């Protein structure tokens, strides 16, 4: 979270920003919005973790040894097409290149530290209160892939309190990889009108 603040202070000082957080990034974005509400114009939560049940991948990674996490990451980097297929994503050329870039972005130590922090942060009762306060102070837009929506543990209060809810058709959890054009269009519409209330986009 402090890393995000430093990046924003350097790149967009004294500016309110639109945060987009996907999966575990949704936890980081929510925590930032909670601590620094004056810096956030809106928050787009793309299948971000609402409960510890959503953080199942982080829970698995957090219990591995550093060597096991490094071996897992190296195996994925060596074969990004396999990593995509195991995630239920057709491995086209563009997607393989995007996956390779994503997998190369962080070392194993950072991935495990993030996983442990997410498990710790989402596993306490106070996390739900943090989310309530974010929704009360900031326009929060919920975005899901149509195929993966059923597995996203979004509470009813969040659906009611959200400024909008969108399902991107023909996409799963990795919506930005599977449907980049549709996802980009959704983001552009939300950022253009971040304070829409309970609108549905398709």
Protein backbone atom coordinates (compact mmCIF):
# COMPACT_ATOMS: atom_id res chain seq x y z
CA UNK A 1 0.00 0.00 0.00
CA UNK A 2 2.80 2.43 0.85
CA UNK A 3 4.46 1.47 -2.43
CA UNK A 4 1.28 2.59 -4.22
CA UNK A 5 1.29 5.86 -2.28
CA UNK A 6 4.91 6.53 -3.23
CA UNK A 7 4.23 5.85 -6.92
CA UNK A 8 1.22 8.19 -6.89
CA UNK A 9 3.06 10.90 -4.97
CA UNK A 10 5.84 10.80 -7.55
CA UNK A 11 3.69 10.43 -10.67
CA UNK A 12 0.50 12.29 -9.77
CA UNK A 13 1.10 14.48 -6.72
CA UNK A 14 -1.93 16.19 -5.15
CA UNK A 15 -4.24 14.38 -7.58
CA UNK A 16 -7.25 12.18 -6.91
CA UNK A 17 -6.94 8.94 -8.85
CA UNK A 18 -9.11 6.09 -10.11
CA UNK A 19 -7.86 2.87 -8.55
CA UNK A 20 -8.31 -0.46 -10.34
CA UNK A 21 -7.63 -3.56 -8.26
CA UNK A 22 -7.87 -7.12 -9.58
CA UNK A 23 -8.01 -10.19 -7.32
CA UNK A 24 -5.43 -9.69 -4.53
CA UNK A 25 -4.87 -6.22 -5.98
CA UNK A 26 -8.41 -5.47 -4.89
CA UNK A 27 -7.29 -5.89 -1.28
CA UNK A 28 -4.37 -3.51 -1.80
CA UNK A 29 -6.57 -0.94 -3.53
CA UNK A 30 -9.24 -1.18 -0.83
CA UNK A 31 -6.69 -0.71 1.93
CA UNK A 32 -5.24 2.31 0.12
CA UNK A 33 -8.69 3.83 -0.36
CA UNK A 34 -9.41 3.29 3.31
CA UNK A 35 -6.21 4.91 4.55
CA UNK A 36 -6.07 7.71 1.95
CA UNK A 37 -9.67 8.50 0.95
CA UNK A 38 -8.70 11.99 -0.15
CA UNK A 39 -6.53 10.56 -2.92
CA UNK A 40 -9.18 8.30 -4.46
CA UNK A 41 -11.80 9.45 -6.96
CA UNK A 42 -13.18 5.94 -7.51
CA UNK A 43 -12.27 2.30 -6.98
CA UNK A 44 -12.91 -0.37 -9.61
CA UNK A 45 -12.88 -3.75 -7.87
CA UNK A 46 -12.26 -6.49 -10.44
CA UNK A 47 -13.09 -9.73 -8.60
CA UNK A 48 -11.13 -8.43 -5.63
CA UNK A 49 -11.06 -10.43 -2.42
CA UNK A 50 -14.00 -9.74 -0.09
CA UNK A 51 -13.35 -12.68 2.21
CA UNK A 52 -10.63 -15.15 3.06
CA UNK A 53 -12.49 -17.63 0.82
CA UNK A 54 -11.60 -15.42 -2.16
CA UNK A 55 -7.95 -15.49 -1.12
CA UNK A 56 -7.55 -19.24 -1.66
CA UNK A 57 -4.54 -18.79 -3.98
CA UNK A 58 -2.85 -16.50 -1.47
CA UNK A 59 -3.57 -19.03 1.28
CA UNK A 60 -1.84 -21.77 -0.72
CA UNK A 61 1.20 -19.63 -1.56
CA UNK A 62 1.54 -18.27 1.98
CA UNK A 63 2.15 -21.75 3.43
CA UNK A 64 4.83 -22.80 0.93
CA UNK A 65 8.55 -22.51 1.61
CA UNK A 66 10.44 -19.77 -0.29
CA UNK A 67 12.07 -22.46 -2.43
CA UNK A 68 8.68 -23.95 -3.33
CA UNK A 69 7.30 -20.56 -4.34
CA UNK A 70 10.36 -19.90 -6.46
CA UNK A 71 10.07 -23.32 -8.14
CA UNK A 72 6.38 -22.67 -8.86
CA UNK A 73 7.13 -19.28 -10.38
CA UNK A 74 10.02 -20.54 -12.46
CA UNK A 75 7.86 -23.36 -13.84
CA UNK A 76 5.14 -20.88 -14.80
CA UNK A 77 7.65 -18.51 -16.40
CA UNK A 78 9.13 -21.38 -18.41
CA UNK A 79 5.72 -22.28 -19.84
CA UNK A 80 3.22 -19.39 -19.71
CA UNK A 81 0.97 -21.23 -22.18
CA UNK A 82 0.52 -24.03 -19.64
CA UNK A 83 -0.13 -21.47 -16.89
CA UNK A 84 -2.90 -19.97 -19.01
CA UNK A 85 -4.46 -23.34 -19.83
CA UNK A 86 -4.47 -24.35 -16.16
CA UNK A 87 -6.25 -21.06 -15.45
CA UNK A 88 -8.92 -21.97 -18.00
CA UNK A 89 -7.70 -19.48 -20.60
CA UNK A 90 -7.05 -20.26 -24.27
CA UNK A 91 -3.35 -19.66 -24.90
CA UNK A 92 -3.21 -17.38 -27.94
CA UNK A 93 -0.03 -15.58 -28.93
CA UNK A 94 -1.02 -12.22 -27.43
CA UNK A 95 -2.13 -13.84 -24.20
CA UNK A 96 1.09 -15.82 -23.88
CA UNK A 97 3.11 -12.62 -24.29
CA UNK A 98 0.97 -10.80 -21.71
CA UNK A 99 1.23 -13.72 -19.30
CA UNK A 100 5.00 -13.84 -19.70
CA UNK A 101 5.25 -10.13 -18.89
CA UNK A 102 3.02 -10.53 -15.82
CA UNK A 103 4.92 -13.54 -14.52
CA UNK A 104 8.26 -11.74 -14.93
CA UNK A 105 7.11 -8.63 -13.06
CA UNK A 106 7.82 -9.69 -9.46
CA UNK A 107 10.25 -12.03 -7.71
CA UNK A 108 8.99 -15.01 -5.74
CA UNK A 109 9.77 -13.29 -2.44
CA UNK A 110 7.42 -10.40 -3.25
CA UNK A 111 4.66 -12.76 -4.39
CA UNK A 112 4.85 -14.73 -1.14
CA UNK A 113 5.04 -11.61 1.03
CA UNK A 114 1.95 -10.24 -0.73
CA UNK A 115 0.09 -13.55 -0.31
CA UNK A 116 0.84 -13.64 3.41
CA UNK A 117 -0.23 -10.02 3.85
CA UNK A 118 -3.50 -10.64 1.98
CA UNK A 119 -4.31 -13.69 4.12
CA UNK A 120 -3.54 -11.77 7.31
CA UNK A 121 -5.50 -8.69 6.22
CA UNK A 122 -8.62 -10.44 4.92
CA UNK A 123 -8.72 -13.08 7.65
CA UNK A 124 -9.75 -10.75 10.47
CA UNK A 125 -13.30 -9.49 11.18
CA UNK A 126 -12.19 -5.86 10.92
CA UNK A 127 -11.57 -6.28 7.16
CA UNK A 128 -15.31 -6.21 6.44
CA UNK A 129 -15.61 -2.96 8.37
CA UNK A 130 -12.78 -1.51 6.30
CA UNK A 131 -14.71 -2.41 3.14
CA UNK A 132 -17.93 -0.89 4.49
CA UNK A 133 -16.13 2.39 5.16
CA UNK A 134 -14.57 2.41 1.68
CA UNK A 135 -17.97 1.87 0.06
CA UNK A 136 -19.47 4.66 2.17
CA UNK A 137 -16.81 7.21 1.21
CA UNK A 138 -15.81 6.25 -2.31
CA UNK A 139 -17.67 5.21 -5.49
CA UNK A 140 -16.88 1.50 -5.81
CA UNK A 141 -17.55 -0.30 -9.10
CA UNK A 142 -17.69 -4.09 -9.15
CA UNK A 143 -16.50 -5.89 -12.29
CA UNK A 144 -16.50 -9.64 -12.90
CA UNK A 145 -15.94 -12.08 -15.69
CA UNK A 146 -19.23 -13.78 -16.55
CA UNK A 147 -17.73 -17.27 -16.28
CA UNK A 148 -16.08 -16.70 -12.89
CA UNK A 149 -18.75 -14.57 -11.21
CA UNK A 150 -20.31 -17.53 -9.40
CA UNK A 151 -17.05 -18.12 -7.54
CA UNK A 152 -16.67 -14.52 -6.38
CA UNK A 153 -17.87 -14.09 -2.79
CA UNK A 154 -19.52 -10.69 -3.10
CA UNK A 155 -21.81 -9.99 -0.14
CA UNK A 156 -25.29 -8.61 -0.78
CA UNK A 157 -24.49 -5.38 1.04
CA UNK A 158 -21.65 -4.70 -1.42
CA UNK A 159 -23.87 -5.27 -4.44
CA UNK A 160 -26.39 -2.84 -2.98
CA UNK A 161 -23.82 -0.23 -1.99
CA UNK A 162 -21.77 -0.39 -5.20
CA UNK A 163 -21.95 2.51 -7.63
CA UNK A 164 -22.22 -0.05 -10.44
CA UNK A 165 -21.91 -3.74 -11.21
CA UNK A 166 -20.63 -5.13 -14.52
CA UNK A 167 -20.16 -8.61 -15.91
CA UNK A 168 -17.85 -8.92 -18.91
CA UNK A 169 -19.18 -11.66 -21.22
CA UNK A 170 -17.00 -14.52 -22.47
CA UNK A 171 -14.40 -13.97 -19.76
CA UNK A 172 -13.31 -15.55 -16.50
CA UNK A 173 -11.24 -14.31 -13.58
CA UNK A 174 -8.41 -13.05 -15.81
CA UNK A 175 -10.81 -10.76 -17.63
CA UNK A 176 -8.14 -8.31 -18.80
CA UNK A 177 -6.29 -11.14 -20.57
CA UNK A 178 -9.33 -12.80 -22.11
CA UNK A 179 -11.32 -9.72 -23.13
CA UNK A 180 -8.97 -6.73 -23.14
CA UNK A 181 -11.08 -4.63 -25.51
CA UNK A 182 -14.31 -5.18 -23.59
CA UNK A 183 -12.53 -4.65 -20.27
CA UNK A 184 -10.92 -1.44 -21.54
CA UNK A 185 -14.30 -0.15 -22.68
CA UNK A 186 -15.81 -0.85 -19.26
CA UNK A 187 -12.98 0.98 -17.49
CA UNK A 188 -13.27 3.97 -19.84
CA UNK A 189 -17.01 4.25 -19.15
CA UNK A 190 -16.57 3.97 -15.39
CA UNK A 191 -13.79 6.52 -15.22
CA UNK A 192 -15.78 8.92 -17.39
CA UNK A 193 -18.72 8.73 -14.96
CA UNK A 194 -17.31 7.40 -11.67
CA UNK A 195 -20.24 8.42 -9.47
CA UNK A 196 -23.02 6.59 -11.30
CA UNK A 197 -25.25 4.88 -8.78
CA UNK A 198 -26.35 1.25 -9.13
CA UNK A 199 -25.98 1.27 -12.89
CA UNK A 200 -25.53 -1.97 -14.79
CA UNK A 201 -23.05 -2.12 -17.65
CA UNK A 202 -22.83 -4.98 -20.13
